[in-house]
Amino acid sequence: MNINLSRLFNIITFEIVRLFKTKRGLLALLAFAAIWFIILYYFVGSASAIVTSNSFESMAKQLFGALGLSALLDWPVAEYAIYWLVAIYFFPSFALLVCSDQICSDKQRGTLRFITLRTTRAELVLGRFLGQLLIMSILILLTAIATTILASLRDITLLTDSIMLGIQLCLQLIIVVAPFIALMSLLNTFVTSARLAIVVATLFFALGPLFVVFIEYQFGQNFYLNLIFPGGQISSVLSQSSDIASQYFLPLLQTAVLLIGSHLMMKRASL
């Protein structure tokens, strides 16, 4: 499979430009900004007061201990403990919405055939995926920078710890989000609209686990089919309960498998 880096870069760049030039992209950015303003202002900004209060401390130790999240209370930057609780669930869900239209709109307009005259299908799938991953990475980085600023305004001595912790969490979030974007890449190869892609993804996560449980119950053994669902490792990532390799090998593998599946489906798709 030959990949032309120049064409790949053009596709990635187009994804960034399209975000700011389409009504759907601007609405998504507006919604993202509004949601994160509320989160940062009302929750993350007051994290120190919440975490250090006597009434919260006893409740948090019991609640976080039951959930396996007690390690978060020992983080040097209280703002990032609250940020991490929100971001680890928010960004995968947001990725399903924002990245739902990678190829669908080109199918509807009939422009996909003309695009593939100038680029290969593999470059199109990979370029659109990388473009969406870059967009999500930028959004993750912006929220981390805002959290670092909030922590530094409270205590300037936390600046170094905030930057180091922010870099670590950004990398972890990007890896966690990657298979969700790759899943939407796969769905885009055979659905006809972004709305339908979101519906199929919702059904996949809602009904898929029930179907897996039914199969394993019928055969009386574990087939580990739950590994096909992105986000299965989020609980261990959230609690930081295991080493980095075991937490992130699965999402990277899922991303690779989903992209290969997207490429194979795209090769056989009728344009």
Protein backbone atom coordinates (compact mmCIF):
# COMPACT_ATOMS: atom_id res chain seq x y z
CA MET A 1 0.00 0.00 0.00
CA ASN A 2 1.72 3.17 -1.24
CA ILE A 3 1.06 6.39 0.69
CA ASN A 4 1.96 9.75 -0.81
CA LEU A 5 2.85 12.03 2.13
CA SER A 6 2.10 15.22 0.20
CA ARG A 7 -1.44 14.12 -0.65
CA LEU A 8 -1.90 12.81 2.89
CA PHE A 9 -0.87 16.19 4.32
CA ASN A 10 -3.33 17.99 2.01
CA ILE A 11 -6.18 15.78 3.22
CA ILE A 12 -5.27 16.40 6.87
CA THR A 13 -5.07 20.14 6.26
CA PHE A 14 -8.45 20.12 4.53
CA GLU A 15 -10.04 18.52 7.61
CA ILE A 16 -8.77 21.38 9.77
CA VAL A 17 -10.03 24.00 7.29
CA ARG A 18 -13.40 22.29 6.91
CA LEU A 19 -13.96 22.49 10.67
CA PHE A 20 -13.90 26.29 10.56
CA LYS A 21 -15.71 26.75 7.23
CA THR A 22 -18.80 24.62 7.70
CA LYS A 23 -21.84 25.41 9.81
CA ARG A 24 -21.71 21.97 11.39
CA GLY A 25 -18.08 22.38 12.37
CA LEU A 26 -18.60 25.83 13.87
CA LEU A 27 -21.64 24.65 15.83
CA ALA A 28 -19.60 21.75 17.21
CA LEU A 29 -16.85 24.15 18.27
CA LEU A 30 -19.39 26.49 19.87
CA ALA A 31 -20.98 23.63 21.80
CA PHE A 32 -17.53 22.40 22.87
CA ALA A 33 -16.53 25.87 24.09
CA ALA A 34 -19.78 26.37 26.03
CA ILE A 35 -19.58 22.96 27.72
CA TRP A 36 -15.95 23.34 28.70
CA PHE A 37 -16.45 26.90 29.95
CA ILE A 38 -19.03 25.53 32.39
CA ILE A 39 -16.79 22.60 33.38
CA LEU A 40 -13.69 24.75 33.87
CA TYR A 41 -15.44 27.64 35.63
CA TYR A 42 -17.75 25.76 37.98
CA PHE A 43 -15.90 22.48 38.61
CA VAL A 44 -12.22 22.56 37.69
CA GLY A 45 -11.74 26.18 38.84
CA SER A 46 -13.10 25.37 42.29
CA ALA A 47 -11.41 21.96 42.50
CA SER A 48 -9.00 22.98 45.24
CA ALA A 49 -11.74 24.26 47.51
CA ILE A 50 -13.83 21.16 46.85
CA VAL A 51 -11.06 18.60 47.33
CA THR A 52 -9.57 20.22 50.45
CA SER A 53 -12.85 20.88 52.25
CA ASN A 54 -13.44 18.77 55.36
CA SER A 55 -16.94 17.76 54.31
CA PHE A 56 -15.75 16.58 50.90
CA GLU A 57 -12.61 14.83 52.14
CA SER A 58 -14.35 12.06 54.10
CA MET A 59 -16.99 11.55 51.42
CA ALA A 60 -14.36 11.52 48.67
CA LYS A 61 -12.23 8.92 50.41
CA GLN A 62 -15.22 6.59 50.70
CA LEU A 63 -16.59 7.24 47.19
CA PHE A 64 -13.25 7.28 45.37
CA GLY A 65 -12.07 4.25 47.32
CA ALA A 66 -15.16 2.28 46.31
CA LEU A 67 -14.59 3.25 42.69
CA GLY A 68 -10.85 2.55 42.83
CA LEU A 69 -10.03 6.23 42.28
CA SER A 70 -8.36 7.03 45.60
CA ALA A 71 -5.04 7.68 43.83
CA LEU A 72 -6.56 10.82 42.24
CA LEU A 73 -6.82 12.45 45.68
CA ASP A 74 -3.03 12.31 45.99
CA TRP A 75 -2.36 14.21 42.76
CA PRO A 76 -0.33 17.37 43.37
CA VAL A 77 -2.73 19.48 41.26
CA ALA A 78 -6.34 19.21 42.45
CA GLU A 79 -7.66 20.84 39.26
CA TYR A 80 -6.34 17.98 37.15
CA ALA A 81 -8.03 15.37 39.33
CA ILE A 82 -11.44 16.88 38.49
CA TYR A 83 -10.38 17.51 34.87
CA TRP A 84 -9.37 13.86 34.45
CA LEU A 85 -12.70 12.58 35.81
CA VAL A 86 -14.60 14.61 33.20
CA ALA A 87 -12.26 14.42 30.21
CA ILE A 88 -11.80 10.64 30.14
CA TYR A 89 -15.51 10.19 29.39
CA PHE A 90 -16.27 13.44 27.59
CA PHE A 91 -13.73 13.29 24.76
CA PRO A 92 -14.56 9.75 23.50
CA SER A 93 -18.26 10.67 23.40
CA PHE A 94 -17.52 14.00 21.74
CA ALA A 95 -15.29 12.26 19.16
CA LEU A 96 -18.22 10.07 18.06
CA LEU A 97 -20.22 13.21 17.27
CA VAL A 98 -17.52 15.42 15.76
CA CYS A 99 -15.88 12.67 13.69
CA SER A 100 -19.11 11.21 12.33
CA ASP A 101 -18.75 12.84 8.91
CA GLN A 102 -15.44 11.76 7.40
CA ILE A 103 -16.68 10.45 4.04
CA CYS A 104 -20.51 10.54 4.25
CA SER A 105 -21.00 14.08 2.97
CA ASP A 106 -18.80 13.34 -0.05
CA LYS A 107 -20.97 10.31 -0.80
CA GLN A 108 -24.14 12.39 -0.61
CA ARG A 109 -22.79 15.14 -2.86
CA GLY A 110 -21.29 12.65 -5.31
CA THR A 111 -17.81 14.18 -4.94
CA LEU A 112 -16.15 11.07 -3.55
CA ARG A 113 -15.55 9.69 -7.04
CA PHE A 114 -13.72 12.86 -8.08
CA ILE A 115 -11.66 12.96 -4.89
CA THR A 116 -10.39 9.44 -5.51
CA LEU A 117 -9.17 10.50 -8.95
CA ARG A 118 -6.51 12.60 -7.18
CA THR A 119 -5.78 10.36 -4.23
CA THR A 120 -5.96 6.68 -3.33
CA ARG A 121 -8.71 5.29 -1.13
CA ALA A 122 -6.13 4.30 1.51
CA GLU A 123 -4.81 7.87 1.63
CA LEU A 124 -8.35 9.21 1.91
CA VAL A 125 -9.25 6.96 4.86
CA LEU A 126 -5.96 7.51 6.67
CA GLY A 127 -5.88 11.25 5.94
CA ARG A 128 -9.42 11.83 7.17
CA PHE A 129 -8.67 9.80 10.33
CA LEU A 130 -5.44 11.68 11.05
CA GLY A 131 -7.16 15.01 10.38
CA GLN A 132 -9.90 14.22 12.89
CA LEU A 133 -7.34 12.92 15.38
CA LEU A 134 -5.39 16.16 15.03
CA ILE A 135 -8.54 18.21 15.65
CA MET A 136 -9.33 16.23 18.81
CA SER A 137 -5.71 16.55 19.94
CA ILE A 138 -5.88 20.34 19.57
CA LEU A 139 -9.12 20.48 21.58
CA ILE A 140 -7.64 18.25 24.30
CA LEU A 141 -4.53 20.42 24.45
CA LEU A 142 -6.57 23.62 24.76
CA THR A 143 -8.55 22.25 27.73
CA ALA A 144 -5.32 21.09 29.38
CA ILE A 145 -3.75 24.55 28.90
CA ALA A 146 -6.84 26.16 30.46
CA THR A 147 -6.60 23.78 33.43
CA THR A 148 -2.90 24.58 33.85
CA ILE A 149 -3.69 28.31 33.84
CA LEU A 150 -6.40 27.86 36.49
CA ALA A 151 -4.06 25.86 38.72
CA SER A 152 -1.24 28.39 38.27
CA LEU A 153 -3.51 31.33 39.12
CA ARG A 154 -4.34 29.60 42.39
CA ASP A 155 -0.73 28.73 43.18
CA ILE A 156 2.13 29.67 40.85
CA THR A 157 4.34 26.98 42.40
CA LEU A 158 2.08 24.38 40.75
CA LEU A 159 3.05 25.52 37.25
CA THR A 160 5.75 22.88 36.66
CA ASP A 161 3.64 20.05 38.09
CA SER A 162 0.65 21.23 36.05
CA ILE A 163 2.60 21.28 32.79
CA MET A 164 4.09 17.82 33.33
CA LEU A 165 0.77 16.33 34.40
CA GLY A 166 -1.03 18.07 31.54
CA ILE A 167 1.36 16.62 28.94
CA GLN A 168 0.94 13.12 30.38
CA LEU A 169 -2.86 13.31 30.45
CA CYS A 170 -3.04 14.79 26.94
CA LEU A 171 -1.07 11.86 25.51
CA GLN A 172 -3.24 9.40 27.39
CA LEU A 173 -6.47 11.04 26.21
CA ILE A 174 -5.33 11.09 22.58
CA ILE A 175 -4.64 7.34 22.72
CA VAL A 176 -8.00 6.69 24.41
CA VAL A 177 -9.87 8.74 21.77
CA ALA A 178 -8.11 7.24 18.72
CA PRO A 179 -10.18 4.01 18.42
CA PHE A 180 -13.45 5.97 18.66
CA ILE A 181 -12.37 8.07 15.67
CA ALA A 182 -11.26 4.93 13.82
CA LEU A 183 -14.66 3.35 14.52
CA MET A 184 -16.36 6.30 12.85
CA SER A 185 -13.94 5.91 9.92
CA LEU A 186 -15.14 2.34 9.52
CA LEU A 187 -18.83 3.27 9.80
CA ASN A 188 -18.36 6.03 7.21
CA THR A 189 -17.33 3.47 4.61
CA PHE A 190 -20.81 1.91 4.46
CA VAL A 191 -23.35 4.38 5.91
CA THR A 192 -24.79 7.22 3.88
CA SER A 193 -24.98 10.08 6.39
CA ALA A 194 -23.26 11.38 9.51
CA ARG A 195 -26.53 11.13 11.45
CA LEU A 196 -26.85 7.48 10.55
CA ALA A 197 -23.23 6.88 11.57
CA ILE A 198 -24.01 8.28 15.04
CA VAL A 199 -27.12 6.09 15.29
CA VAL A 200 -25.18 2.96 14.29
CA ALA A 201 -22.39 3.80 16.76
CA THR A 202 -24.97 4.27 19.55
CA LEU A 203 -26.57 0.91 18.77
CA PHE A 204 -23.13 -0.69 18.60
CA PHE A 205 -22.27 0.40 22.14
CA ALA A 206 -25.78 -0.11 23.53
CA LEU A 207 -26.74 -3.48 22.04
CA GLY A 208 -23.31 -4.92 21.22
CA PRO A 209 -22.39 -5.90 24.81
CA LEU A 210 -25.78 -7.57 25.27
CA PHE A 211 -25.21 -9.60 22.11
CA VAL A 212 -21.75 -10.63 23.34
CA VAL A 213 -23.17 -11.74 26.70
CA PHE A 214 -25.86 -13.76 24.89
CA ILE A 215 -23.30 -15.55 22.69
CA GLU A 216 -21.02 -16.36 25.62
CA TYR A 217 -24.01 -17.59 27.64
CA GLN A 218 -25.17 -19.85 24.81
CA PHE A 219 -21.75 -21.42 24.31
CA GLY A 220 -20.79 -21.42 27.97
CA GLN A 221 -17.35 -19.92 27.51
CA ASN A 222 -15.64 -16.55 27.22
CA PHE A 223 -14.70 -15.50 23.68
CA TYR A 224 -13.34 -12.07 24.78
CA LEU A 225 -15.56 -10.39 22.19
CA ASN A 226 -15.86 -7.38 24.49
CA LEU A 227 -12.36 -6.41 23.32
CA ILE A 228 -13.86 -5.15 20.05
CA PHE A 229 -15.57 -2.25 21.85
CA PRO A 230 -13.42 0.90 22.17
CA GLY A 231 -13.23 2.26 25.69
CA GLY A 232 -13.20 -1.04 27.53
CA GLN A 233 -9.99 -0.03 29.33
CA ILE A 234 -11.23 3.40 30.44
CA SER A 235 -11.92 2.31 34.05
CA SER A 236 -8.31 1.19 34.53
CA VAL A 237 -7.01 4.30 32.74
CA LEU A 238 -9.17 6.54 34.95
CA SER A 239 -7.91 5.03 38.18
CA GLN A 240 -4.31 4.76 36.90
CA SER A 241 -4.43 1.26 38.38
CA SER A 242 -2.11 -0.51 35.95
CA ASP A 243 0.99 0.20 33.95
CA ILE A 244 0.90 2.39 30.85
CA ALA A 245 1.63 -0.46 28.41
CA SER A 246 -1.34 -2.58 29.49
CA GLN A 247 -3.67 0.45 29.53
CA TYR A 248 -2.87 1.66 26.04
CA PHE A 249 -1.90 -1.40 24.04
CA LEU A 250 -5.57 -2.31 23.58
CA PRO A 251 -6.78 1.07 22.15
CA LEU A 252 -3.78 1.24 19.82
CA LEU A 253 -4.50 -2.29 18.60
CA GLN A 254 -8.20 -1.47 18.18
CA THR A 255 -7.29 1.64 16.19
CA ALA A 256 -5.02 -0.33 13.85
CA VAL A 257 -7.63 -3.08 13.30
CA LEU A 258 -10.44 -0.58 12.66
CA LEU A 259 -8.33 1.39 10.17
CA ILE A 260 -7.37 -1.79 8.32
CA GLY A 261 -11.06 -2.74 8.24
CA SER A 262 -11.90 0.74 6.94
CA HIS A 263 -9.32 0.38 4.17
CA LEU A 264 -10.64 -3.03 3.13
CA MET A 265 -14.24 -1.81 3.13
CA MET A 266 -13.29 1.30 1.18
CA LYS A 267 -11.49 -0.78 -1.45
CA ARG A 268 -14.67 -2.72 -2.10
CA ALA A 269 -17.09 0.18 -1.78
CA SER A 270 -18.98 1.42 -4.80
CA LEU A 271 -18.43 5.13 -5.43
